[in-house]
């Protein structure tokens, strides 16, 4: 009779925090992957922030697709976006030298 919206499941703060920690681990993994891949291109130091940004965007895209269903993914999106902002700031300061 009445058209009501189904209730949205409440997000657990603990799950969001654990997702945030998971995102930190994922961003560190992206950093180590960028360092490993960047070592293959010797002499080109500009490649490190670029590879890190590509890896962070890839993992972040995967997390964003699941952010509506999972509190863990929502926390991971928060930490990955902060990591991407820090990567962009470091890249900008490197290229401005």
PDB file of N, CA and C in Angstrom:
ATOM      1  N   UNK A   1       0.806  -1.167   0.000  1.00  0.00           N
ATOM      2  CA  UNK A   1       0.000   0.000   0.000  1.00  0.00           C
ATOM      3  C   UNK A   1       0.866   1.253   0.000  1.00  0.00           C
ATOM      4  N   UNK A   2       1.702   1.383   0.984  1.00  0.00           N
ATOM      5  CA  UNK A   2       2.621   2.508   1.018  1.00  0.00           C
ATOM      6  C   UNK A   2       3.949   2.086   0.413  1.00  0.00           C
ATOM      7  N   UNK A   3       4.502   2.940  -0.405  1.00  0.00           N
ATOM      8  CA  UNK A   3       5.818   2.651  -0.982  1.00  0.00           C
ATOM      9  C   UNK A   3       6.883   3.182  -0.036  1.00  0.00           C
ATOM     10  N   UNK A   4       7.486   2.282   0.640  1.00  0.00           N
ATOM     11  CA  UNK A   4       8.542   2.688   1.568  1.00  0.00           C
ATOM     12  C   UNK A   4       9.862   2.119   1.085  1.00  0.00           C
ATOM     13  N   UNK A   5      10.883   2.850   1.371  1.00  0.00           N
ATOM     14  CA  UNK A   5      12.232   2.411   1.032  1.00  0.00           C
ATOM     15  C   UNK A   5      12.671   1.355   2.036  1.00  0.00           C
ATOM     16  N   UNK A   6      13.348   0.331   1.569  1.00  0.00           N
ATOM     17  CA  UNK A   6      13.885  -0.624   2.542  1.00  0.00           C
ATOM     18  C   UNK A   6      14.968   0.047   3.380  1.00  0.00           C
ATOM     19  N   UNK A   7      15.041  -0.354   4.617  1.00  0.00           N
ATOM     20  CA  UNK A   7      16.022   0.254   5.503  1.00  0.00           C
ATOM     21  C   UNK A   7      17.426  -0.107   5.072  1.00  0.00           C
ATOM     22  N   UNK A   8      18.296   0.893   5.103  1.00  0.00           N
ATOM     23  CA  UNK A   8      19.692   0.651   4.760  1.00  0.00           C
ATOM     24  C   UNK A   8      20.367   0.014   5.965  1.00  0.00           C
ATOM     25  N   UNK A   9      21.191  -0.970   5.728  1.00  0.00           N
ATOM     26  CA  UNK A   9      21.883  -1.576   6.864  1.00  0.00           C
ATOM     27  C   UNK A   9      22.857  -0.569   7.489  1.00  0.00           C
ATOM     28  N   UNK A  10      22.868  -0.559   8.794  1.00  0.00           N
ATOM     29  CA  UNK A  10      23.749   0.361   9.499  1.00  0.00           C
ATOM     30  C   UNK A  10      25.201  -0.071   9.321  1.00  0.00           C
ATOM     31  N   UNK A  11      26.060   0.908   9.144  1.00  0.00           N
ATOM     32  CA  UNK A  11      27.482   0.617   9.009  1.00  0.00           C
ATOM     33  C   UNK A  11      28.105   0.514  10.390  1.00  0.00           C
ATOM     34  N   UNK A  12      28.874  -0.494  10.564  1.00  0.00           N
ATOM     35  CA  UNK A  12      29.572  -0.673  11.823  1.00  0.00           C
ATOM     36  C   UNK A  12      30.850   0.155  11.802  1.00  0.00           C
ATOM     37  N   UNK A  13      31.051   0.946  12.843  1.00  0.00           N
ATOM     38  CA  UNK A  13      32.270   1.752  12.919  1.00  0.00           C
ATOM     39  C   UNK A  13      33.510   0.869  12.972  1.00  0.00           C
ATOM     40  N   UNK A  14      33.401  -0.269  13.619  1.00  0.00           N
ATOM     41  CA  UNK A  14      34.533  -1.181  13.701  1.00  0.00           C
ATOM     42  C   UNK A  14      34.891  -1.711  12.314  1.00  0.00           C
ATOM     43  N   UNK A  15      33.886  -2.049  11.518  1.00  0.00           N
ATOM     44  CA  UNK A  15      34.158  -2.549  10.169  1.00  0.00           C
ATOM     45  C   UNK A  15      34.757  -1.461   9.281  1.00  0.00           C
ATOM     46  N   UNK A  16      34.286  -0.229   9.442  1.00  0.00           N
ATOM     47  CA  UNK A  16      34.862   0.870   8.665  1.00  0.00           C
ATOM     48  C   UNK A  16      36.320   1.083   9.073  1.00  0.00           C
ATOM     49  N   UNK A  17      36.611   1.014  10.363  1.00  0.00           N
ATOM     50  CA  UNK A  17      37.994   1.167  10.840  1.00  0.00           C
ATOM     51  C   UNK A  17      38.873   0.022  10.341  1.00  0.00           C
ATOM     52  N   UNK A  18      38.356  -1.188  10.375  1.00  0.00           N
ATOM     53  CA  UNK A  18      39.128  -2.321   9.853  1.00  0.00           C
ATOM     54  C   UNK A  18      39.342  -2.188   8.344  1.00  0.00           C
ATOM     55  N   UNK A  19      38.360  -1.681   7.641  1.00  0.00           N
ATOM     56  CA  UNK A  19      38.528  -1.411   6.218  1.00  0.00           C
ATOM     57  C   UNK A  19      39.563  -0.331   5.970  1.00  0.00           C
ATOM     58  N   UNK A  20      39.598   0.669   6.858  1.00  0.00           N
ATOM     59  CA  UNK A  20      40.619   1.715   6.766  1.00  0.00           C
ATOM     60  C   UNK A  20      42.012   1.114   6.919  1.00  0.00           C
ATOM     61  N   UNK A  21      42.166   0.212   7.891  1.00  0.00           N
ATOM     62  CA  UNK A  21      43.455  -0.462   8.067  1.00  0.00           C
ATOM     63  C   UNK A  21      43.785  -1.346   6.868  1.00  0.00           C
ATOM     64  N   UNK A  22      42.777  -2.000   6.320  1.00  0.00           N
ATOM     65  CA  UNK A  22      42.975  -2.812   5.118  1.00  0.00           C
ATOM     66  C   UNK A  22      43.417  -1.945   3.941  1.00  0.00           C
ATOM     67  N   UNK A  23      42.860  -0.764   3.842  1.00  0.00           N
ATOM     68  CA  UNK A  23      43.267   0.164   2.793  1.00  0.00           C
ATOM     69  C   UNK A  23      44.697   0.639   2.971  1.00  0.00           C
ATOM     70  N   UNK A  24      45.129   0.829   4.226  1.00  0.00           N
ATOM     71  CA  UNK A  24      46.524   1.204   4.482  1.00  0.00           C
ATOM     72  C   UNK A  24      47.454   0.087   4.035  1.00  0.00           C
ATOM     73  N   UNK A  25      47.093  -1.152   4.355  1.00  0.00           N
ATOM     74  CA  UNK A  25      47.912  -2.292   3.927  1.00  0.00           C
ATOM     75  C   UNK A  25      47.934  -2.375   2.397  1.00  0.00           C
ATOM     76  N   UNK A  26      46.803  -2.140   1.755  1.00  0.00           N
ATOM     77  CA  UNK A  26      46.742  -2.181   0.294  1.00  0.00           C
ATOM     78  C   UNK A  26      47.585  -1.063  -0.319  1.00  0.00           C
ATOM     79  N   UNK A  27      47.560   0.126   0.285  1.00  0.00           N
ATOM     80  CA  UNK A  27      48.359   1.221  -0.265  1.00  0.00           C
ATOM     81  C   UNK A  27      49.850   0.969  -0.065  1.00  0.00           C
ATOM     82  N   UNK A  28      50.222   0.327   1.033  1.00  0.00           N
ATOM     83  CA  UNK A  28      51.628  -0.049   1.213  1.00  0.00           C
ATOM     84  C   UNK A  28      52.034  -1.107   0.195  1.00  0.00           C
ATOM     85  N   UNK A  29      51.132  -2.028  -0.096  1.00  0.00           N
ATOM     86  CA  UNK A  29      51.397  -3.018  -1.134  1.00  0.00           C
ATOM     87  C   UNK A  29      51.577  -2.363  -2.496  1.00  0.00           C
ATOM     88  N   UNK A  30      50.755  -1.353  -2.775  1.00  0.00           N
ATOM     89  CA  UNK A  30      50.902  -0.622  -4.039  1.00  0.00           C
ATOM     90  C   UNK A  30      52.235   0.114  -4.088  1.00  0.00           C
ATOM     91  N   UNK A  31      52.657   0.664  -2.948  1.00  0.00           N
ATOM     92  CA  UNK A  31      53.939   1.361  -2.889  1.00  0.00           C
ATOM     93  C   UNK A  31      55.094   0.405  -3.160  1.00  0.00           C
ATOM     94  N   UNK A  32      55.075  -0.765  -2.523  1.00  0.00           N
ATOM     95  CA  UNK A  32      56.146  -1.732  -2.733  1.00  0.00           C
ATOM     96  C   UNK A  32      56.131  -2.265  -4.168  1.00  0.00           C
ATOM     97  N   UNK A  33      54.951  -2.429  -4.740  1.00  0.00           N
ATOM     98  CA  UNK A  33      54.853  -2.850  -6.132  1.00  0.00           C
ATOM     99  C   UNK A  33      55.432  -1.774  -7.048  1.00  0.00           C
ATOM    100  N   UNK A  34      55.153  -0.505  -6.751  1.00  0.00           N
ATOM    101  CA  UNK A  34      55.685   0.587  -7.560  1.00  0.00           C
ATOM    102  C   UNK A  34      57.203   0.660  -7.445  1.00  0.00           C
ATOM    103  N   UNK A  35      57.733   0.430  -6.247  1.00  0.00           N
ATOM    104  CA  UNK A  35      59.186   0.435  -6.067  1.00  0.00           C
ATOM    105  C   UNK A  35      59.814  -0.715  -6.839  1.00  0.00           C
ATOM    106  N   UNK A  36      59.211  -1.894  -6.768  1.00  0.00           N
ATOM    107  CA  UNK A  36      59.738  -3.049  -7.487  1.00  0.00           C
ATOM    108  C   UNK A  36      59.688  -2.830  -8.998  1.00  0.00           C
ATOM    109  N   UNK A  37      58.549  -2.359  -9.491  1.00  0.00           N
ATOM    110  CA  UNK A  37      58.417  -2.136 -10.933  1.00  0.00           C
ATOM    111  C   UNK A  37      59.294  -0.970 -11.390  1.00  0.00           C
ATOM    112  N   UNK A  38      59.415   0.051 -10.553  1.00  0.00           N
ATOM    113  CA  UNK A  38      60.246   1.202 -10.902  1.00  0.00           C
ATOM    114  C   UNK A  38      61.723   0.866 -10.941  1.00  0.00           C
ATOM    115  N   UNK A  39      62.129  -0.139 -10.172  1.00  0.00           N
ATOM    116  CA  UNK A  39      63.531  -0.558 -10.188  1.00  0.00           C
ATOM    117  C   UNK A  39      63.903  -1.183 -11.522  1.00  0.00           C
ATOM    118  N   UNK A  40      62.923  -1.677 -12.247  1.00  0.00           N
ATOM    119  CA  UNK A  40      63.198  -2.244 -13.561  1.00  0.00           C
ATOM    120  C   UNK A  40      63.568  -1.168 -14.576  1.00  0.00           C
ATOM    121  N   UNK A  41      63.032   0.044 -14.395  1.00  0.00           N
ATOM    122  CA  UNK A  41      63.374   1.173 -15.247  1.00  0.00           C
ATOM    123  C   UNK A  41      64.404   2.031 -14.532  1.00  0.00           C
ATOM    124  N   UNK A  42      65.638   1.668 -14.636  1.00  0.00           N
ATOM    125  CA  UNK A  42      66.695   2.381 -13.923  1.00  0.00           C
ATOM    126  C   UNK A  42      66.939   3.737 -14.573  1.00  0.00           C
ATOM    127  N   UNK A  43      67.174   4.716 -13.724  1.00  0.00           N
ATOM    128  CA  UNK A  43      67.476   6.052 -14.211  1.00  0.00           C
ATOM    129  C   UNK A  43      66.273   6.941 -14.404  1.00  0.00           C
ATOM    130  N   UNK A  44      65.088   6.410 -14.293  1.00  0.00           N
ATOM    131  CA  UNK A  44      63.876   7.216 -14.457  1.00  0.00           C
ATOM    132  C   UNK A  44      63.130   7.246 -13.133  1.00  0.00           C
ATOM    133  N   UNK A  45      63.452   8.227 -12.291  1.00  0.00           N
ATOM    134  CA  UNK A  45      62.845   8.271 -10.960  1.00  0.00           C
ATOM    135  C   UNK A  45      61.429   8.817 -10.973  1.00  0.00           C
ATOM    136  N   UNK A  46      61.007   9.457 -12.053  1.00  0.00           N
ATOM    137  CA  UNK A  46      59.650   9.993 -12.104  1.00  0.00           C
ATOM    138  C   UNK A  46      58.614   8.885 -12.191  1.00  0.00           C
ATOM    139  N   UNK A  47      59.038   7.671 -12.500  1.00  0.00           N
ATOM    140  CA  UNK A  47      58.093   6.571 -12.710  1.00  0.00           C
ATOM    141  C   UNK A  47      57.484   6.070 -11.399  1.00  0.00           C
ATOM    142  N   UNK A  48      58.158   6.269 -10.268  1.00  0.00           N
ATOM    143  CA  UNK A  48      57.664   5.753  -8.990  1.00  0.00           C
ATOM    144  C   UNK A  48      56.296   6.330  -8.602  1.00  0.00           C
ATOM    145  N   UNK A  49      56.115   7.658  -8.580  1.00  0.00           N
ATOM    146  CA  UNK A  49      54.777   8.158  -8.213  1.00  0.00           C
ATOM    147  C   UNK A  49      53.707   7.818  -9.240  1.00  0.00           C
ATOM    148  N   UNK A  50      54.095   7.696 -10.501  1.00  0.00           N
ATOM    149  CA  UNK A  50      53.122   7.357 -11.541  1.00  0.00           C
ATOM    150  C   UNK A  50      52.627   5.923 -11.360  1.00  0.00           C
ATOM    151  N   UNK A  51      53.558   4.995 -11.139  1.00  0.00           N
ATOM    152  CA  UNK A  51      53.157   3.605 -10.923  1.00  0.00           C
ATOM    153  C   UNK A  51      52.340   3.447  -9.648  1.00  0.00           C
ATOM    154  N   UNK A  52      52.714   4.184  -8.611  1.00  0.00           N
ATOM    155  CA  UNK A  52      51.955   4.116  -7.362  1.00  0.00           C
ATOM    156  C   UNK A  52      50.540   4.647  -7.561  1.00  0.00           C
ATOM    157  N   UNK A  53      50.404   5.729  -8.299  1.00  0.00           N
ATOM    158  CA  UNK A  53      49.072   6.284  -8.560  1.00  0.00           C
ATOM    159  C   UNK A  53      48.224   5.316  -9.380  1.00  0.00           C
ATOM    160  N   UNK A  54      48.826   4.682 -10.375  1.00  0.00           N
ATOM    161  CA  UNK A  54      48.078   3.716 -11.183  1.00  0.00           C
ATOM    162  C   UNK A  54      47.602   2.551 -10.332  1.00  0.00           C
ATOM    163  N   UNK A  55      48.475   2.044  -9.455  1.00  0.00           N
ATOM    164  CA  UNK A  55      48.096   0.921  -8.591  1.00  0.00           C
ATOM    165  C   UNK A  55      47.018   1.339  -7.599  1.00  0.00           C
ATOM    166  N   UNK A  56      47.143   2.543  -7.019  1.00  0.00           N
ATOM    167  CA  UNK A  56      46.133   3.015  -6.063  1.00  0.00           C
ATOM    168  C   UNK A  56      44.781   3.214  -6.734  1.00  0.00           C
ATOM    169  N   UNK A  57      44.786   3.737  -7.947  1.00  0.00           N
ATOM    170  CA  UNK A  57      43.523   3.931  -8.667  1.00  0.00           C
ATOM    171  C   UNK A  57      42.880   2.585  -8.992  1.00  0.00           C
ATOM    172  N   UNK A  58      43.698   1.600  -9.355  1.00  0.00           N
ATOM    173  CA  UNK A  58      43.159   0.263  -9.634  1.00  0.00           C
ATOM    174  C   UNK A  58      42.529  -0.381  -8.422  1.00  0.00           C
ATOM    175  N   UNK A  59      43.223  -0.342  -7.289  1.00  0.00           N
ATOM    176  CA  UNK A  59      42.676  -0.930  -6.059  1.00  0.00           C
ATOM    177  C   UNK A  59      41.483  -0.117  -5.570  1.00  0.00           C
ATOM    178  N   UNK A  60      41.555   1.201  -5.708  1.00  0.00           N
ATOM    179  CA  UNK A  60      40.448   2.061  -5.293  1.00  0.00           C
ATOM    180  C   UNK A  60      39.192   1.831  -6.114  1.00  0.00           C
ATOM    181  N   UNK A  61      39.348   1.603  -7.402  1.00  0.00           N
ATOM    182  CA  UNK A  61      38.199   1.303  -8.263  1.00  0.00           C
ATOM    183  C   UNK A  61      37.528   0.007  -7.828  1.00  0.00           C
ATOM    184  N   UNK A  62      38.348  -0.979  -7.499  1.00  0.00           N
ATOM    185  CA  UNK A  62      37.814  -2.248  -7.008  1.00  0.00           C
ATOM    186  C   UNK A  62      37.037  -2.048  -5.704  1.00  0.00           C
ATOM    187  N   UNK A  63      37.558  -1.199  -4.798  1.00  0.00           N
ATOM    188  CA  UNK A  63      36.891  -0.960  -3.513  1.00  0.00           C
ATOM    189  C   UNK A  63      35.626  -0.117  -3.670  1.00  0.00           C
ATOM    190  N   UNK A  64      35.645   0.848  -4.585  1.00  0.00           N
ATOM    191  CA  UNK A  64      34.471   1.712  -4.777  1.00  0.00           C
ATOM    192  C   UNK A  64      33.275   0.912  -5.264  1.00  0.00           C
ATOM    193  N   UNK A  65      33.526  -0.082  -6.092  1.00  0.00           N
ATOM    194  CA  UNK A  65      32.417  -0.900  -6.607  1.00  0.00           C
ATOM    195  C   UNK A  65      31.702  -1.652  -5.498  1.00  0.00           C
ATOM    196  N   UNK A  66      32.400  -1.916  -4.403  1.00  0.00           N
ATOM    197  CA  UNK A  66      31.811  -2.674  -3.304  1.00  0.00           C
ATOM    198  C   UNK A  66      31.514  -1.817  -2.067  1.00  0.00           C
ATOM    199  N   UNK A  67      31.688  -0.515  -2.167  1.00  0.00           N
ATOM    200  CA  UNK A  67      31.544   0.360  -0.998  1.00  0.00           C
ATOM    201  C   UNK A  67      30.108   0.442  -0.500  1.00  0.00           C
ATOM    202  N   UNK A  68      29.134   0.304  -1.367  1.00  0.00           N
ATOM    203  CA  UNK A  68      27.736   0.387  -0.925  1.00  0.00           C
ATOM    204  C   UNK A  68      27.296  -0.845  -0.160  1.00  0.00           C
ATOM    205  N   UNK A  69      27.934  -1.980  -0.423  1.00  0.00           N
ATOM    206  CA  UNK A  69      27.516  -3.212   0.225  1.00  0.00           C
ATOM    207  C   UNK A  69      28.329  -3.549   1.466  1.00  0.00           C
ATOM    208  N   UNK A  70      29.531  -3.019   1.554  1.00  0.00           N
ATOM    209  CA  UNK A  70      30.423  -3.447   2.622  1.00  0.00           C
ATOM    210  C   UNK A  70      31.021  -2.251   3.349  1.00  0.00           C
ATOM    211  N   UNK A  71      31.024  -2.334   4.661  1.00  0.00           N
ATOM    212  CA  UNK A  71      31.660  -1.294   5.467  1.00  0.00           C
ATOM    213  C   UNK A  71      33.176  -1.375   5.349  1.00  0.00           C
ATOM    214  N   UNK A  72      33.705  -2.573   5.143  1.00  0.00           N
ATOM    215  CA  UNK A  72      35.148  -2.725   4.955  1.00  0.00           C
ATOM    216  C   UNK A  72      35.609  -1.978   3.718  1.00  0.00           C
ATOM    217  N   UNK A  73      34.850  -2.105   2.636  1.00  0.00           N
ATOM    218  CA  UNK A  73      35.211  -1.422   1.398  1.00  0.00           C
ATOM    219  C   UNK A  73      35.105   0.089   1.552  1.00  0.00           C
ATOM    220  N   UNK A  74      34.136   0.564   2.322  1.00  0.00           N
ATOM    221  CA  UNK A  74      33.997   2.006   2.544  1.00  0.00           C
ATOM    222  C   UNK A  74      35.213   2.555   3.285  1.00  0.00           C
ATOM    223  N   UNK A  75      35.688   1.831   4.298  1.00  0.00           N
ATOM    224  CA  UNK A  75      36.890   2.257   5.011  1.00  0.00           C
ATOM    225  C   UNK A  75      38.119   2.205   4.130  1.00  0.00           C
ATOM    226  N   UNK A  76      38.181   1.211   3.255  1.00  0.00           N
ATOM    227  CA  UNK A  76      39.318   1.095   2.335  1.00  0.00           C
ATOM    228  C   UNK A  76      39.319   2.250   1.333  1.00  0.00           C
ATOM    229  N   UNK A  77      38.146   2.664   0.883  1.00  0.00           N
ATOM    230  CA  UNK A  77      38.052   3.793  -0.048  1.00  0.00           C
ATOM    231  C   UNK A  77      38.581   5.058   0.618  1.00  0.00           C
ATOM    232  N   UNK A  78      38.262   5.253   1.893  1.00  0.00           N
ATOM    233  CA  UNK A  78      38.734   6.433   2.610  1.00  0.00           C
ATOM    234  C   UNK A  78      40.254   6.455   2.674  1.00  0.00           C
ATOM    235  N   UNK A  79      40.856   5.346   3.079  1.00  0.00           N
ATOM    236  CA  UNK A  79      42.310   5.338   3.226  1.00  0.00           C
ATOM    237  C   UNK A  79      43.015   5.372   1.873  1.00  0.00           C
ATOM    238  N   UNK A  80      42.460   4.731   0.857  1.00  0.00           N
ATOM    239  CA  UNK A  80      43.085   4.766  -0.463  1.00  0.00           C
ATOM    240  C   UNK A  80      43.007   6.156  -1.084  1.00  0.00           C
ATOM    241  N   UNK A  81      41.929   6.871  -0.823  1.00  0.00           N
ATOM    242  CA  UNK A  81      41.849   8.231  -1.356  1.00  0.00           C
ATOM    243  C   UNK A  81      42.841   9.150  -0.655  1.00  0.00           C
ATOM    244  N   UNK A  82      43.049   8.969   0.637  1.00  0.00           N
ATOM    245  CA  UNK A  82      44.064   9.750   1.346  1.00  0.00           C
ATOM    246  C   UNK A  82      45.452   9.416   0.815  1.00  0.00           C
ATOM    247  N   UNK A  83      45.711   8.145   0.569  1.00  0.00           N
ATOM    248  CA  UNK A  83      47.012   7.736   0.031  1.00  0.00           C
ATOM    249  C   UNK A  83      47.231   8.319  -1.361  1.00  0.00           C
ATOM    250  N   UNK A  84      46.189   8.378  -2.179  1.00  0.00           N
ATOM    251  CA  UNK A  84      46.325   8.946  -3.516  1.00  0.00           C
ATOM    252  C   UNK A  84      46.592  10.448  -3.441  1.00  0.00           C
ATOM    253  N   UNK A  85      45.946  11.133  -2.509  1.00  0.00           N
ATOM    254  CA  UNK A  85      46.220  12.560  -2.328  1.00  0.00           C
ATOM    255  C   UNK A  85      47.658  12.804  -1.879  1.00  0.00           C
ATOM    256  N   UNK A  86      48.153  11.977  -0.968  1.00  0.00           N
ATOM    257  CA  UNK A  86      49.541  12.109  -0.527  1.00  0.00           C
ATOM    258  C   UNK A  86      50.508  11.802  -1.668  1.00  0.00           C
ATOM    259  N   UNK A  87      50.178  10.820  -2.490  1.00  0.00           N
ATOM    260  CA  UNK A  87      51.020  10.496  -3.636  1.00  0.00           C
ATOM    261  C   UNK A  87      51.054  11.661  -4.622  1.00  0.00           C
ATOM    262  N   UNK A  88      49.923  12.279  -4.855  1.00  0.00           N
ATOM    263  CA  UNK A  88      49.878  13.426  -5.770  1.00  0.00           C
ATOM    264  C   UNK A  88      50.670  14.605  -5.205  1.00  0.00           C
ATOM    265  N   UNK A  89      50.597  14.823  -3.904  1.00  0.00           N
ATOM    266  CA  UNK A  89      51.357  15.914  -3.293  1.00  0.00           C
ATOM    267  C   UNK A  89      52.862  15.654  -3.384  1.00  0.00           C
ATOM    268  N   UNK A  90      53.266  14.415  -3.153  1.00  0.00           N
ATOM    269  CA  UNK A  90      54.690  14.077  -3.267  1.00  0.00           C
ATOM    270  C   UNK A  90      55.171  14.198  -4.702  1.00  0.00           C
ATOM    271  N   UNK A  91      54.354  13.776  -5.653  1.00  0.00           N
ATOM    272  CA  UNK A  91      54.734  13.883  -7.063  1.00  0.00           C
ATOM    273  C   UNK A  91      54.840  15.352  -7.484  1.00  0.00           C
ATOM    274  N   UNK A  92      53.924  16.177  -7.013  1.00  0.00           N
ATOM    275  CA  UNK A  92      53.968  17.603  -7.357  1.00  0.00           C
ATOM    276  C   UNK A  92      55.201  18.270  -6.761  1.00  0.00           C
ATOM    277  N   UNK A  93      55.540  17.913  -5.539  1.00  0.00           N
ATOM    278  CA  UNK A  93      56.738  18.511  -4.936  1.00  0.00           C
ATOM    279  C   UNK A  93      58.010  17.998  -5.605  1.00  0.00           C
ATOM    280  N   UNK A  94      57.992  16.762  -6.089  1.00  0.00           N
ATOM    281  CA  UNK A  94      59.155  16.219  -6.793  1.00  0.00           C
ATOM    282  C   UNK A  94      59.341  16.923  -8.140  1.00  0.00           C
ATOM    283  N   UNK A  95      58.246  17.112  -8.883  1.00  0.00           N
ATOM    284  CA  UNK A  95      58.353  17.694 -10.209  1.00  0.00           C
ATOM    285  C   UNK A  95      58.571  19.206 -10.159  1.00  0.00           C
ATOM    286  N   UNK A  96      58.303  19.843  -9.029  1.00  0.00           N
ATOM    287  CA  UNK A  96      58.503  21.289  -8.936  1.00  0.00           C
ATOM    288  C   UNK A  96      59.950  21.651  -8.635  1.00  0.00           C
ATOM    289  N   UNK A  97      60.780  20.655  -8.332  1.00  0.00           N
ATOM    290  CA  UNK A  97      62.194  20.954  -8.047  1.00  0.00           C
ATOM    291  C   UNK A  97      62.917  21.394  -9.263  1.00  0.00           C
TER     292      UNK A  97
END
